[in-house]
PDB file of N, CA and C in Angstrom:
ATOM      1  N   UNK A   1     -38.988 108.715  18.648  1.00  0.00           N
ATOM      2  CA  UNK A   1     -39.383 109.495  19.788  1.00  0.00           C
ATOM      3  C   UNK A   1     -38.928 108.821  21.090  1.00  0.00           C
ATOM      4  N   UNK A   2     -39.120 107.493  21.173  1.00  0.00           N
ATOM      5  CA  UNK A   2     -38.727 106.745  22.351  1.00  0.00           C
ATOM      6  C   UNK A   2     -37.213 106.769  22.530  1.00  0.00           C
ATOM      7  N   UNK A   3     -36.438 106.643  21.414  1.00  0.00           N
ATOM      8  CA  UNK A   3     -34.974 106.691  21.488  1.00  0.00           C
ATOM      9  C   UNK A   3     -34.508 108.060  21.959  1.00  0.00           C
ATOM     10  N   UNK A   4     -35.149 109.111  21.504  1.00  0.00           N
ATOM     11  CA  UNK A   4     -34.787 110.470  21.879  1.00  0.00           C
ATOM     12  C   UNK A   4     -34.969 110.656  23.390  1.00  0.00           C
ATOM     13  N   UNK A   5     -36.080 110.155  23.925  1.00  0.00           N
ATOM     14  CA  UNK A   5     -36.335 110.253  25.355  1.00  0.00           C
ATOM     15  C   UNK A   5     -35.292 109.466  26.159  1.00  0.00           C
ATOM     16  N   UNK A   6     -34.963 108.258  25.712  1.00  0.00           N
ATOM     17  CA  UNK A   6     -33.969 107.436  26.397  1.00  0.00           C
ATOM     18  C   UNK A   6     -32.602 108.099  26.361  1.00  0.00           C
ATOM     19  N   UNK A   7     -32.247 108.687  25.238  1.00  0.00           N
ATOM     20  CA  UNK A   7     -30.956 109.366  25.104  1.00  0.00           C
ATOM     21  C   UNK A   7     -30.888 110.560  26.054  1.00  0.00           C
ATOM     22  N   UNK A   8     -31.977 111.321  26.116  1.00  0.00           N
ATOM     23  CA  UNK A   8     -32.024 112.482  27.023  1.00  0.00           C
ATOM     24  C   UNK A   8     -31.939 112.022  28.484  1.00  0.00           C
ATOM     25  N   UNK A   9     -32.614 110.915  28.819  1.00  0.00           N
ATOM     26  CA  UNK A   9     -32.588 110.403  30.192  1.00  0.00           C
ATOM     27  C   UNK A   9     -31.187 109.956  30.579  1.00  0.00           C
ATOM     28  N   UNK A  10     -30.517 109.234  29.683  1.00  0.00           N
ATOM     29  CA  UNK A  10     -29.144 108.778  29.945  1.00  0.00           C
ATOM     30  C   UNK A  10     -28.216 109.975  30.062  1.00  0.00           C
ATOM     31  N   UNK A  11     -28.355 110.940  29.159  1.00  0.00           N
ATOM     32  CA  UNK A  11     -27.514 112.138  29.180  1.00  0.00           C
ATOM     33  C   UNK A  11     -27.744 112.917  30.478  1.00  0.00           C
ATOM     34  N   UNK A  12     -28.995 113.040  30.897  1.00  0.00           N
ATOM     35  CA  UNK A  12     -29.321 113.729  32.150  1.00  0.00           C
ATOM     36  C   UNK A  12     -28.705 113.019  33.344  1.00  0.00           C
ATOM     37  N   UNK A  13     -28.776 111.685  33.353  1.00  0.00           N
ATOM     38  CA  UNK A  13     -28.189 110.903  34.435  1.00  0.00           C
ATOM     39  C   UNK A  13     -26.673 111.114  34.500  1.00  0.00           C
ATOM     40  N   UNK A  14     -26.005 111.093  33.342  1.00  0.00           N
ATOM     41  CA  UNK A  14     -24.544 111.275  33.283  1.00  0.00           C
ATOM     42  C   UNK A  14     -24.177 112.664  33.784  1.00  0.00           C
ATOM     43  N   UNK A  15     -24.920 113.684  33.383  1.00  0.00           N
ATOM     44  CA  UNK A  15     -24.628 115.053  33.834  1.00  0.00           C
ATOM     45  C   UNK A  15     -24.836 115.163  35.347  1.00  0.00           C
ATOM     46  N   UNK A  16     -25.929 114.583  35.836  1.00  0.00           N
ATOM     47  CA  UNK A  16     -26.192 114.623  37.281  1.00  0.00           C
ATOM     48  C   UNK A  16     -25.089 113.904  38.059  1.00  0.00           C
ATOM     49  N   UNK A  17     -24.675 112.742  37.579  1.00  0.00           N
ATOM     50  CA  UNK A  17     -23.613 111.985  38.239  1.00  0.00           C
ATOM     51  C   UNK A  17     -22.303 112.762  38.249  1.00  0.00           C
ATOM     52  N   UNK A  18     -21.969 113.369  37.136  1.00  0.00           N
ATOM     53  CA  UNK A  18     -20.748 114.172  37.037  1.00  0.00           C
ATOM     54  C   UNK A  18     -20.812 115.366  37.991  1.00  0.00           C
ATOM     55  N   UNK A  19     -21.967 116.038  38.036  1.00  0.00           N
ATOM     56  CA  UNK A  19     -22.121 117.207  38.910  1.00  0.00           C
ATOM     57  C   UNK A  19     -21.992 116.817  40.377  1.00  0.00           C
ATOM     58  N   UNK A  20     -22.670 115.763  40.787  1.00  0.00           N
ATOM     59  CA  UNK A  20     -22.616 115.324  42.182  1.00  0.00           C
ATOM     60  C   UNK A  20     -21.199 114.906  42.552  1.00  0.00           C
ATOM     61  N   UNK A  21     -20.535 114.172  41.682  1.00  0.00           N
ATOM     62  CA  UNK A  21     -19.164 113.729  41.944  1.00  0.00           C
ATOM     63  C   UNK A  21     -18.228 114.922  42.079  1.00  0.00           C
ATOM     64  N   UNK A  22     -18.384 115.905  41.214  1.00  0.00           N
ATOM     65  CA  UNK A  22     -17.532 117.091  41.249  1.00  0.00           C
ATOM     66  C   UNK A  22     -17.772 117.902  42.516  1.00  0.00           C
ATOM     67  N   UNK A  23     -19.032 118.099  42.878  1.00  0.00           N
ATOM     68  CA  UNK A  23     -19.359 118.888  44.063  1.00  0.00           C
ATOM     69  C   UNK A  23     -18.808 118.235  45.326  1.00  0.00           C
ATOM     70  N   UNK A  24     -19.019 116.932  45.492  1.00  0.00           N
ATOM     71  CA  UNK A  24     -18.546 116.265  46.703  1.00  0.00           C
ATOM     72  C   UNK A  24     -17.028 116.082  46.713  1.00  0.00           C
ATOM     73  N   UNK A  25     -16.394 116.125  45.565  1.00  0.00           N
ATOM     74  CA  UNK A  25     -14.940 116.006  45.505  1.00  0.00           C
ATOM     75  C   UNK A  25     -14.270 117.270  46.022  1.00  0.00           C
ATOM     76  N   UNK A  26     -15.010 118.374  46.134  1.00  0.00           N
ATOM     77  CA  UNK A  26     -14.441 119.647  46.563  1.00  0.00           C
ATOM     78  C   UNK A  26     -14.352 119.783  48.076  1.00  0.00           C
ATOM     79  N   UNK A  27     -14.936 118.863  48.834  1.00  0.00           N
ATOM     80  CA  UNK A  27     -14.868 118.944  50.289  1.00  0.00           C
ATOM     81  C   UNK A  27     -13.420 118.831  50.741  1.00  0.00           C
ATOM     82  N   UNK A  28     -12.989 119.841  51.499  1.00  0.00           N
ATOM     83  CA  UNK A  28     -11.632 119.821  52.042  1.00  0.00           C
ATOM     84  C   UNK A  28     -11.571 118.789  53.169  1.00  0.00           C
ATOM     85  N   UNK A  29     -10.405 118.203  53.395  1.00  0.00           N
ATOM     86  CA  UNK A  29     -10.299 117.263  54.514  1.00  0.00           C
ATOM     87  C   UNK A  29     -10.588 117.989  55.822  1.00  0.00           C
ATOM     88  N   UNK A  30     -11.325 117.361  56.676  1.00  0.00           N
ATOM     89  CA  UNK A  30     -11.692 117.951  57.962  1.00  0.00           C
ATOM     90  C   UNK A  30     -10.515 117.829  58.928  1.00  0.00           C
ATOM     91  N   UNK A  31     -10.246 118.929  59.702  1.00  0.00           N
ATOM     92  CA  UNK A  31      -9.163 118.817  60.680  1.00  0.00           C
ATOM     93  C   UNK A  31      -9.517 117.800  61.753  1.00  0.00           C
ATOM     94  N   UNK A  32      -8.501 117.152  62.242  1.00  0.00           N
ATOM     95  CA  UNK A  32      -8.719 116.176  63.312  1.00  0.00           C
ATOM     96  C   UNK A  32      -9.110 116.933  64.574  1.00  0.00           C
ATOM     97  N   UNK A  33     -10.084 116.427  65.311  1.00  0.00           N
ATOM     98  CA  UNK A  33     -10.472 117.108  66.535  1.00  0.00           C
ATOM     99  C   UNK A  33      -9.362 117.007  67.581  1.00  0.00           C
ATOM    100  N   UNK A  34      -9.423 117.920  68.527  1.00  0.00           N
ATOM    101  CA  UNK A  34      -8.455 117.873  69.624  1.00  0.00           C
ATOM    102  C   UNK A  34      -8.703 116.617  70.455  1.00  0.00           C
ATOM    103  N   UNK A  35      -7.630 116.018  70.902  1.00  0.00           N
ATOM    104  CA  UNK A  35      -7.766 114.858  71.788  1.00  0.00           C
ATOM    105  C   UNK A  35      -7.738 115.346  73.228  1.00  0.00           C
ATOM    106  N   UNK A  36      -8.548 114.749  74.076  1.00  0.00           N
ATOM    107  CA  UNK A  36      -8.588 115.142  75.483  1.00  0.00           C
ATOM    108  C   UNK A  36      -7.516 114.384  76.253  1.00  0.00           C
ATOM    109  N   UNK A  37      -6.780 115.125  77.040  1.00  0.00           N
ATOM    110  CA  UNK A  37      -5.673 114.572  77.821  1.00  0.00           C
ATOM    111  C   UNK A  37      -5.790 115.082  79.256  1.00  0.00           C
ATOM    112  N   UNK A  38      -5.151 114.390  80.172  1.00  0.00           N
ATOM    113  CA  UNK A  38      -5.062 114.904  81.541  1.00  0.00           C
ATOM    114  C   UNK A  38      -3.779 114.395  82.188  1.00  0.00           C
ATOM    115  N   UNK A  39      -3.298 115.202  83.111  1.00  0.00           N
ATOM    116  CA  UNK A  39      -2.098 114.846  83.870  1.00  0.00           C
ATOM    117  C   UNK A  39      -2.361 115.165  85.339  1.00  0.00           C
ATOM    118  N   UNK A  40      -1.715 114.408  86.213  1.00  0.00           N
ATOM    119  CA  UNK A  40      -1.833 114.633  87.643  1.00  0.00           C
ATOM    120  C   UNK A  40      -0.437 114.723  88.234  1.00  0.00           C
ATOM    121  N   UNK A  41      -0.346 115.429  89.350  1.00  0.00           N
ATOM    122  CA  UNK A  41       0.933 115.534  90.033  1.00  0.00           C
ATOM    123  C   UNK A  41       0.750 116.175  91.389  1.00  0.00           C
ATOM    124  N   UNK A  42       1.875 116.468  92.015  1.00  0.00           N
ATOM    125  CA  UNK A  42       1.862 117.094  93.330  1.00  0.00           C
ATOM    126  C   UNK A  42       2.741 118.337  93.297  1.00  0.00           C
ATOM    127  N   UNK A  43       2.265 119.366  93.982  1.00  0.00           N
ATOM    128  CA  UNK A  43       3.073 120.549  94.257  1.00  0.00           C
ATOM    129  C   UNK A  43       3.080 120.666  95.774  1.00  0.00           C
ATOM    130  N   UNK A  44       4.205 120.332  96.403  1.00  0.00           N
ATOM    131  CA  UNK A  44       4.237 120.252  97.865  1.00  0.00           C
ATOM    132  C   UNK A  44       3.265 119.177  98.315  1.00  0.00           C
ATOM    133  N   UNK A  45       2.302 119.545  99.179  1.00  0.00           N
ATOM    134  CA  UNK A  45       1.292 118.599  99.649  1.00  0.00           C
ATOM    135  C   UNK A  45       0.029 118.613  98.785  1.00  0.00           C
ATOM    136  N   UNK A  46      -0.047 119.519  97.850  1.00  0.00           N
ATOM    137  CA  UNK A  46      -1.260 119.674  97.039  1.00  0.00           C
ATOM    138  C   UNK A  46      -1.274 118.693  95.868  1.00  0.00           C
ATOM    139  N   UNK A  47      -2.399 118.034  95.700  1.00  0.00           N
ATOM    140  CA  UNK A  47      -2.621 117.194  94.523  1.00  0.00           C
ATOM    141  C   UNK A  47      -3.236 118.087  93.446  1.00  0.00           C
ATOM    142  N   UNK A  48      -2.637 118.068  92.271  1.00  0.00           N
ATOM    143  CA  UNK A  48      -3.172 118.889  91.185  1.00  0.00           C
ATOM    144  C   UNK A  48      -3.488 118.003  89.989  1.00  0.00           C
ATOM    145  N   UNK A  49      -4.411 118.469  89.175  1.00  0.00           N
ATOM    146  CA  UNK A  49      -4.683 117.803  87.903  1.00  0.00           C
ATOM    147  C   UNK A  49      -4.947 118.882  86.857  1.00  0.00           C
ATOM    148  N   UNK A  50      -4.520 118.593  85.654  1.00  0.00           N
ATOM    149  CA  UNK A  50      -4.731 119.492  84.521  1.00  0.00           C
ATOM    150  C   UNK A  50      -5.388 118.663  83.420  1.00  0.00           C
ATOM    151  N   UNK A  51      -6.532 119.146  82.940  1.00  0.00           N
ATOM    152  CA  UNK A  51      -7.255 118.481  81.856  1.00  0.00           C
ATOM    153  C   UNK A  51      -7.308 119.448  80.690  1.00  0.00           C
ATOM    154  N   UNK A  52      -6.915 118.976  79.520  1.00  0.00           N
ATOM    155  CA  UNK A  52      -6.822 119.876  78.364  1.00  0.00           C
ATOM    156  C   UNK A  52      -7.123 119.132  77.073  1.00  0.00           C
ATOM    157  N   UNK A  53      -7.470 119.886  76.068  1.00  0.00           N
ATOM    158  CA  UNK A  53      -7.616 119.355  74.717  1.00  0.00           C
ATOM    159  C   UNK A  53      -6.335 119.651  73.964  1.00  0.00           C
ATOM    160  N   UNK A  54      -5.718 118.631  73.420  1.00  0.00           N
ATOM    161  CA  UNK A  54      -4.482 118.802  72.665  1.00  0.00           C
ATOM    162  C   UNK A  54      -4.860 119.069  71.205  1.00  0.00           C
ATOM    163  N   UNK A  55      -4.776 120.329  70.762  1.00  0.00           N
ATOM    164  CA  UNK A  55      -5.259 120.660  69.421  1.00  0.00           C
ATOM    165  C   UNK A  55      -4.399 120.059  68.316  1.00  0.00           C
ATOM    166  N   UNK A  56      -5.017 119.835  67.196  1.00  0.00           N
ATOM    167  CA  UNK A  56      -4.334 119.341  66.006  1.00  0.00           C
ATOM    168  C   UNK A  56      -3.870 120.553  65.192  1.00  0.00           C
ATOM    169  N   UNK A  57      -2.598 120.860  65.230  1.00  0.00           N
ATOM    170  CA  UNK A  57      -2.063 122.070  64.608  1.00  0.00           C
ATOM    171  C   UNK A  57      -2.084 121.986  63.080  1.00  0.00           C
ATOM    172  N   UNK A  58      -1.781 120.851  62.508  1.00  0.00           N
ATOM    173  CA  UNK A  58      -1.820 120.601  61.064  1.00  0.00           C
ATOM    174  C   UNK A  58      -1.088 121.670  60.241  1.00  0.00           C
ATOM    175  N   UNK A  59       0.167 121.888  60.554  1.00  0.00           N
ATOM    176  CA  UNK A  59       1.034 122.810  59.817  1.00  0.00           C
ATOM    177  C   UNK A  59       0.540 124.254  59.816  1.00  0.00           C
ATOM    178  N   UNK A  60      -0.323 124.620  60.765  1.00  0.00           N
ATOM    179  CA  UNK A  60      -0.780 126.006  60.871  1.00  0.00           C
ATOM    180  C   UNK A  60       0.073 126.712  61.911  1.00  0.00           C
ATOM    181  N   UNK A  61       0.323 127.994  61.711  1.00  0.00           N
ATOM    182  CA  UNK A  61       1.023 128.799  62.718  1.00  0.00           C
ATOM    183  C   UNK A  61      -0.044 129.327  63.671  1.00  0.00           C
ATOM    184  N   UNK A  62      -0.032 128.832  64.891  1.00  0.00           N
ATOM    185  CA  UNK A  62      -1.073 129.203  65.843  1.00  0.00           C
ATOM    186  C   UNK A  62      -0.715 130.517  66.536  1.00  0.00           C
ATOM    187  N   UNK A  63       0.319 130.515  67.374  1.00  0.00           N
ATOM    188  CA  UNK A  63       0.693 131.731  68.100  1.00  0.00           C
ATOM    189  C   UNK A  63       1.496 132.659  67.199  1.00  0.00           C
ATOM    190  N   UNK A  64       1.050 133.907  67.139  1.00  0.00           N
ATOM    191  CA  UNK A  64       1.664 134.868  66.235  1.00  0.00           C
ATOM    192  C   UNK A  64       1.111 134.733  64.816  1.00  0.00           C
ATOM    193  N   UNK A  65       0.149 133.842  64.635  1.00  0.00           N
ATOM    194  CA  UNK A  65      -0.500 133.619  63.343  1.00  0.00           C
ATOM    195  C   UNK A  65      -2.001 133.689  63.540  1.00  0.00           C
ATOM    196  N   UNK A  66      -2.626 132.520  63.706  1.00  0.00           N
ATOM    197  CA  UNK A  66      -4.077 132.476  63.949  1.00  0.00           C
ATOM    198  C   UNK A  66      -4.442 133.168  65.260  1.00  0.00           C
ATOM    199  N   UNK A  67      -3.607 133.022  66.255  1.00  0.00           N
ATOM    200  CA  UNK A  67      -3.803 133.667  67.554  1.00  0.00           C
ATOM    201  C   UNK A  67      -2.720 134.724  67.725  1.00  0.00           C
ATOM    202  N   UNK A  68      -3.106 136.015  67.707  1.00  0.00           N
ATOM    203  CA  UNK A  68      -2.087 137.078  67.784  1.00  0.00           C
ATOM    204  C   UNK A  68      -1.444 137.175  69.165  1.00  0.00           C
ATOM    205  N   UNK A  69      -0.204 137.606  69.178  1.00  0.00           N
ATOM    206  CA  UNK A  69       0.475 137.864  70.446  1.00  0.00           C
ATOM    207  C   UNK A  69      -0.205 139.037  71.139  1.00  0.00           C
ATOM    208  N   UNK A  70      -0.152 139.025  72.477  1.00  0.00           N
ATOM    209  CA  UNK A  70      -0.665 140.144  73.255  1.00  0.00           C
ATOM    210  C   UNK A  70      -2.165 140.123  73.492  1.00  0.00           C
ATOM    211  N   UNK A  71      -2.869 139.097  73.047  1.00  0.00           N
ATOM    212  CA  UNK A  71      -4.324 138.995  73.236  1.00  0.00           C
ATOM    213  C   UNK A  71      -4.625 137.783  74.113  1.00  0.00           C
ATOM    214  N   UNK A  72      -5.658 137.872  74.966  1.00  0.00           N
ATOM    215  CA  UNK A  72      -6.014 136.709  75.789  1.00  0.00           C
ATOM    216  C   UNK A  72      -6.347 135.503  74.917  1.00  0.00           C
ATOM    217  N   UNK A  73      -5.921 134.342  75.364  1.00  0.00           N
ATOM    218  CA  UNK A  73      -6.073 133.106  74.613  1.00  0.00           C
ATOM    219  C   UNK A  73      -6.572 132.026  75.556  1.00  0.00           C
ATOM    220  N   UNK A  74      -7.638 131.341  75.187  1.00  0.00           N
ATOM    221  CA  UNK A  74      -8.163 130.223  75.970  1.00  0.00           C
ATOM    222  C   UNK A  74      -7.289 129.015  75.656  1.00  0.00           C
ATOM    223  N   UNK A  75      -6.530 128.591  76.605  1.00  0.00           N
ATOM    224  CA  UNK A  75      -5.582 127.499  76.371  1.00  0.00           C
ATOM    225  C   UNK A  75      -6.307 126.190  76.107  1.00  0.00           C
ATOM    226  N   UNK A  76      -5.806 125.424  75.147  1.00  0.00           N
ATOM    227  CA  UNK A  76      -6.335 124.096  74.857  1.00  0.00           C
ATOM    228  C   UNK A  76      -7.308 124.089  73.696  1.00  0.00           C
ATOM    229  N   UNK A  77      -7.504 122.898  73.135  1.00  0.00           N
ATOM    230  CA  UNK A  77      -8.483 122.717  72.067  1.00  0.00           C
ATOM    231  C   UNK A  77      -9.807 122.289  72.674  1.00  0.00           C
ATOM    232  N   UNK A  78     -10.886 122.564  71.986  1.00  0.00           N
ATOM    233  CA  UNK A  78     -12.247 122.279  72.457  1.00  0.00           C
ATOM    234  C   UNK A  78     -12.539 123.110  73.698  1.00  0.00           C
ATOM    235  N   UNK A  79     -12.888 122.492  74.813  1.00  0.00           N
ATOM    236  CA  UNK A  79     -13.191 123.230  76.039  1.00  0.00           C
ATOM    237  C   UNK A  79     -11.897 123.777  76.647  1.00  0.00           C
ATOM    238  N   UNK A  80     -12.065 124.779  77.512  1.00  0.00           N
ATOM    239  CA  UNK A  80     -10.875 125.381  78.124  1.00  0.00           C
ATOM    240  C   UNK A  80     -10.150 124.376  79.016  1.00  0.00           C
ATOM    241  N   UNK A  81      -8.856 124.590  79.138  1.00  0.00           N
ATOM    242  CA  UNK A  81      -8.026 123.772  80.018  1.00  0.00           C
ATOM    243  C   UNK A  81      -8.448 124.027  81.458  1.00  0.00           C
ATOM    244  N   UNK A  82      -8.537 122.963  82.245  1.00  0.00           N
ATOM    245  CA  UNK A  82      -8.876 123.132  83.661  1.00  0.00           C
ATOM    246  C   UNK A  82      -7.705 122.704  84.541  1.00  0.00           C
ATOM    247  N   UNK A  83      -7.561 123.429  85.626  1.00  0.00           N
ATOM    248  CA  UNK A  83      -6.521 123.196  86.625  1.00  0.00           C
ATOM    249  C   UNK A  83      -7.238 123.018  87.949  1.00  0.00           C
ATOM    250  N   UNK A  84      -6.994 121.902  88.617  1.00  0.00           N
ATOM    251  CA  UNK A  84      -7.657 121.620  89.891  1.00  0.00           C
ATOM    252  C   UNK A  84      -6.601 121.355  90.952  1.00  0.00           C
ATOM    253  N   UNK A  85      -6.796 121.960  92.127  1.00  0.00           N
ATOM    254  CA  UNK A  85      -5.910 121.723  93.266  1.00  0.00           C
ATOM    255  C   UNK A  85      -6.756 121.475  94.509  1.00  0.00           C
ATOM    256  N   UNK A  86      -6.302 120.581  95.374  1.00  0.00           N
ATOM    257  CA  UNK A  86      -7.053 120.291  96.599  1.00  0.00           C
ATOM    258  C   UNK A  86      -6.523 121.074  97.800  1.00  0.00           C
ATOM    259  N   UNK A  87      -5.493 121.874  97.600  1.00  0.00           N
ATOM    260  CA  UNK A  87      -4.922 122.714  98.666  1.00  0.00           C
ATOM    261  C   UNK A  87      -4.646 124.104  98.091  1.00  0.00           C
ATOM    262  N   UNK A  88      -4.625 125.093  98.963  1.00  0.00           N
ATOM    263  CA  UNK A  88      -4.270 126.443  98.537  1.00  0.00           C
ATOM    264  C   UNK A  88      -2.829 126.452  98.021  1.00  0.00           C
ATOM    265  N   UNK A  89      -2.579 127.232  96.984  1.00  0.00           N
ATOM    266  CA  UNK A  89      -1.237 127.374  96.417  1.00  0.00           C
ATOM    267  C   UNK A  89      -0.854 128.852  96.388  1.00  0.00           C
ATOM    268  N   UNK A  90       0.430 129.107  96.236  1.00  0.00           N
ATOM    269  CA  UNK A  90       0.905 130.467  96.015  1.00  0.00           C
ATOM    270  C   UNK A  90       1.532 130.507  94.624  1.00  0.00           C
ATOM    271  N   UNK A  91       0.992 131.380  93.773  1.00  0.00           N
ATOM    272  CA  UNK A  91       1.468 131.509  92.399  1.00  0.00           C
ATOM    273  C   UNK A  91       1.922 132.952  92.191  1.00  0.00           C
ATOM    274  N   UNK A  92       3.211 133.145  91.927  1.00  0.00           N
ATOM    275  CA  UNK A  92       3.774 134.484  91.729  1.00  0.00           C
ATOM    276  C   UNK A  92       3.415 135.412  92.895  1.00  0.00           C
ATOM    277  N   UNK A  93       3.489 134.871  94.120  1.00  0.00           N
ATOM    278  CA  UNK A  93       3.211 135.665  95.315  1.00  0.00           C
ATOM    279  C   UNK A  93       1.735 135.878  95.606  1.00  0.00           C
ATOM    280  N   UNK A  94       0.846 135.332  94.781  1.00  0.00           N
ATOM    281  CA  UNK A  94      -0.594 135.483  94.985  1.00  0.00           C
ATOM    282  C   UNK A  94      -1.190 134.154  95.453  1.00  0.00           C
ATOM    283  N   UNK A  95      -2.142 134.239  96.402  1.00  0.00           N
ATOM    284  CA  UNK A  95      -2.794 133.025  96.900  1.00  0.00           C
ATOM    285  C   UNK A  95      -3.785 132.529  95.846  1.00  0.00           C
ATOM    286  N   UNK A  96      -3.723 131.225  95.537  1.00  0.00           N
ATOM    287  CA  UNK A  96      -4.690 130.559  94.666  1.00  0.00           C
ATOM    288  C   UNK A  96      -5.408 129.533  95.543  1.00  0.00           C
ATOM    289  N   UNK A  97      -6.645 129.829  95.963  1.00  0.00           N
ATOM    290  CA  UNK A  97      -7.368 128.908  96.844  1.00  0.00           C
ATOM    291  C   UNK A  97      -7.613 127.554  96.177  1.00  0.00           C
ATOM    292  N   UNK A  98      -7.746 126.518  96.979  1.00  0.00           N
ATOM    293  CA  UNK A  98      -8.077 125.190  96.462  1.00  0.00           C
ATOM    294  C   UNK A  98      -9.355 125.290  95.642  1.00  0.00           C
ATOM    295  N   UNK A  99      -9.397 124.566  94.524  1.00  0.00           N
ATOM    296  CA  UNK A  99     -10.585 124.598  93.677  1.00  0.00           C
ATOM    297  C   UNK A  99     -10.257 124.222  92.243  1.00  0.00           C
ATOM    298  N   UNK A 100     -11.226 124.489  91.382  1.00  0.00           N
ATOM    299  CA  UNK A 100     -11.093 124.172  89.958  1.00  0.00           C
ATOM    300  C   UNK A 100     -11.122 125.482  89.174  1.00  0.00           C
ATOM    301  N   UNK A 101     -10.189 125.615  88.225  1.00  0.00           N
ATOM    302  CA  UNK A 101     -10.026 126.851  87.461  1.00  0.00           C
ATOM    303  C   UNK A 101      -9.875 126.542  85.975  1.00  0.00           C
ATOM    304  N   UNK A 102     -10.330 127.456  85.142  1.00  0.00           N
ATOM    305  CA  UNK A 102      -9.971 127.394  83.724  1.00  0.00           C
ATOM    306  C   UNK A 102      -8.739 128.276  83.548  1.00  0.00           C
ATOM    307  N   UNK A 103      -7.943 127.952  82.546  1.00  0.00           N
ATOM    308  CA  UNK A 103      -6.687 128.671  82.336  1.00  0.00           C
ATOM    309  C   UNK A 103      -6.769 129.477  81.049  1.00  0.00           C
ATOM    310  N   UNK A 104      -6.424 130.746  81.156  1.00  0.00           N
ATOM    311  CA  UNK A 104      -6.285 131.633  80.006  1.00  0.00           C
ATOM    312  C   UNK A 104      -4.870 132.164  80.018  1.00  0.00           C
ATOM    313  N   UNK A 105      -4.368 132.530  78.860  1.00  0.00           N
ATOM    314  CA  UNK A 105      -3.005 133.038  78.754  1.00  0.00           C
ATOM    315  C   UNK A 105      -2.969 134.236  77.826  1.00  0.00           C
ATOM    316  N   UNK A 106      -1.981 135.079  78.050  1.00  0.00           N
ATOM    317  CA  UNK A 106      -1.681 136.140  77.100  1.00  0.00           C
ATOM    318  C   UNK A 106      -0.266 135.845  76.610  1.00  0.00           C
ATOM    319  N   UNK A 107      -0.149 135.237  75.429  1.00  0.00           N
ATOM    320  CA  UNK A 107       1.179 134.874  74.933  1.00  0.00           C
ATOM    321  C   UNK A 107       1.888 136.076  74.325  1.00  0.00           C
ATOM    322  N   UNK A 108       3.171 136.100  74.491  1.00  0.00           N
ATOM    323  CA  UNK A 108       4.029 137.082  73.843  1.00  0.00           C
ATOM    324  C   UNK A 108       5.235 136.302  73.335  1.00  0.00           C
ATOM    325  N   UNK A 109       6.025 136.920  72.523  1.00  0.00           N
ATOM    326  CA  UNK A 109       7.173 136.202  71.963  1.00  0.00           C
ATOM    327  C   UNK A 109       8.182 135.799  73.023  1.00  0.00           C
ATOM    328  N   UNK A 110       8.317 136.595  74.102  1.00  0.00           N
ATOM    329  CA  UNK A 110       9.326 136.297  75.112  1.00  0.00           C
ATOM    330  C   UNK A 110       8.741 135.918  76.471  1.00  0.00           C
ATOM    331  N   UNK A 111       7.524 136.370  76.767  1.00  0.00           N
ATOM    332  CA  UNK A 111       6.956 136.138  78.088  1.00  0.00           C
ATOM    333  C   UNK A 111       5.453 135.901  77.966  1.00  0.00           C
ATOM    334  N   UNK A 112       4.937 135.003  78.793  1.00  0.00           N
ATOM    335  CA  UNK A 112       3.506 134.708  78.796  1.00  0.00           C
ATOM    336  C   UNK A 112       2.922 135.049  80.159  1.00  0.00           C
ATOM    337  N   UNK A 113       1.690 135.547  80.158  1.00  0.00           N
ATOM    338  CA  UNK A 113       0.950 135.743  81.396  1.00  0.00           C
ATOM    339  C   UNK A 113      -0.081 134.622  81.473  1.00  0.00           C
ATOM    340  N   UNK A 114      -0.204 134.039  82.668  1.00  0.00           N
ATOM    341  CA  UNK A 114      -1.161 132.946  82.882  1.00  0.00           C
ATOM    342  C   UNK A 114      -2.217 133.443  83.855  1.00  0.00           C
ATOM    343  N   UNK A 115      -3.505 133.201  83.503  1.00  0.00           N
ATOM    344  CA  UNK A 115      -4.613 133.644  84.352  1.00  0.00           C
ATOM    345  C   UNK A 115      -5.447 132.436  84.751  1.00  0.00           C
ATOM    346  N   UNK A 116      -5.806 132.370  86.030  1.00  0.00           N
ATOM    347  CA  UNK A 116      -6.671 131.322  86.550  1.00  0.00           C
ATOM    348  C   UNK A 116      -8.061 131.924  86.736  1.00  0.00           C
ATOM    349  N   UNK A 117      -9.068 131.333  86.112  1.00  0.00           N
ATOM    350  CA  UNK A 117     -10.431 131.842  86.152  1.00  0.00           C
ATOM    351  C   UNK A 117     -11.302 130.841  86.909  1.00  0.00           C
ATOM    352  N   UNK A 118     -12.032 131.322  87.919  1.00  0.00           N
ATOM    353  CA  UNK A 118     -12.869 130.400  88.699  1.00  0.00           C
ATOM    354  C   UNK A 118     -14.103 129.931  87.922  1.00  0.00           C
ATOM    355  N   UNK A 119     -14.412 130.590  86.811  1.00  0.00           N
ATOM    356  CA  UNK A 119     -15.515 130.112  85.959  1.00  0.00           C
ATOM    357  C   UNK A 119     -14.922 129.079  84.995  1.00  0.00           C
ATOM    358  N   UNK A 120     -15.467 127.865  85.018  1.00  0.00           N
ATOM    359  CA  UNK A 120     -14.936 126.803  84.157  1.00  0.00           C
ATOM    360  C   UNK A 120     -15.966 126.423  83.098  1.00  0.00           C
ATOM    361  N   UNK A 121     -15.513 125.656  82.112  1.00  0.00           N
ATOM    362  CA  UNK A 121     -16.414 125.120  81.099  1.00  0.00           C
ATOM    363  C   UNK A 121     -16.532 125.954  79.835  1.00  0.00           C
ATOM    364  N   UNK A 122     -15.705 126.981  79.672  1.00  0.00           N
ATOM    365  CA  UNK A 122     -15.760 127.789  78.462  1.00  0.00           C
ATOM    366  C   UNK A 122     -15.393 126.902  77.267  1.00  0.00           C
ATOM    367  N   UNK A 123     -16.077 127.125  76.164  1.00  0.00           N
ATOM    368  CA  UNK A 123     -15.867 126.344  74.953  1.00  0.00           C
ATOM    369  C   UNK A 123     -15.155 127.187  73.930  1.00  0.00           C
ATOM    370  N   UNK A 124     -14.482 126.513  72.977  1.00  0.00           N
ATOM    371  CA  UNK A 124     -13.692 127.167  71.946  1.00  0.00           C
ATOM    372  C   UNK A 124     -14.440 128.075  71.070  1.00  0.00           C
TER     373      UNK A 124
END
């Protein structure tokens, strides 16, 4: 009777160990998070800075794949890309007042539209 109980306990332990090992072995590798980057420069007298998350593409087709052409797209990985200028600028004939903006785009295969949004901090 005692041997039977010990055999069942060992067998139960082996099955549990095998099950746990198999279940945890199925976890897919996690994608690397986007790294945060920033660049600074000048346009005329204006000091500008762009802060963005550089997404980890990992052999995925992003534009025209995960992100369809012709639809608004929040540029950057993680939080939206921000564009800051300390002076008013003119972009495509339109005045862009000094300030901080998030950037959205509408990508197409041949031409992209870029939009500056005064609301910042949008998340992915």
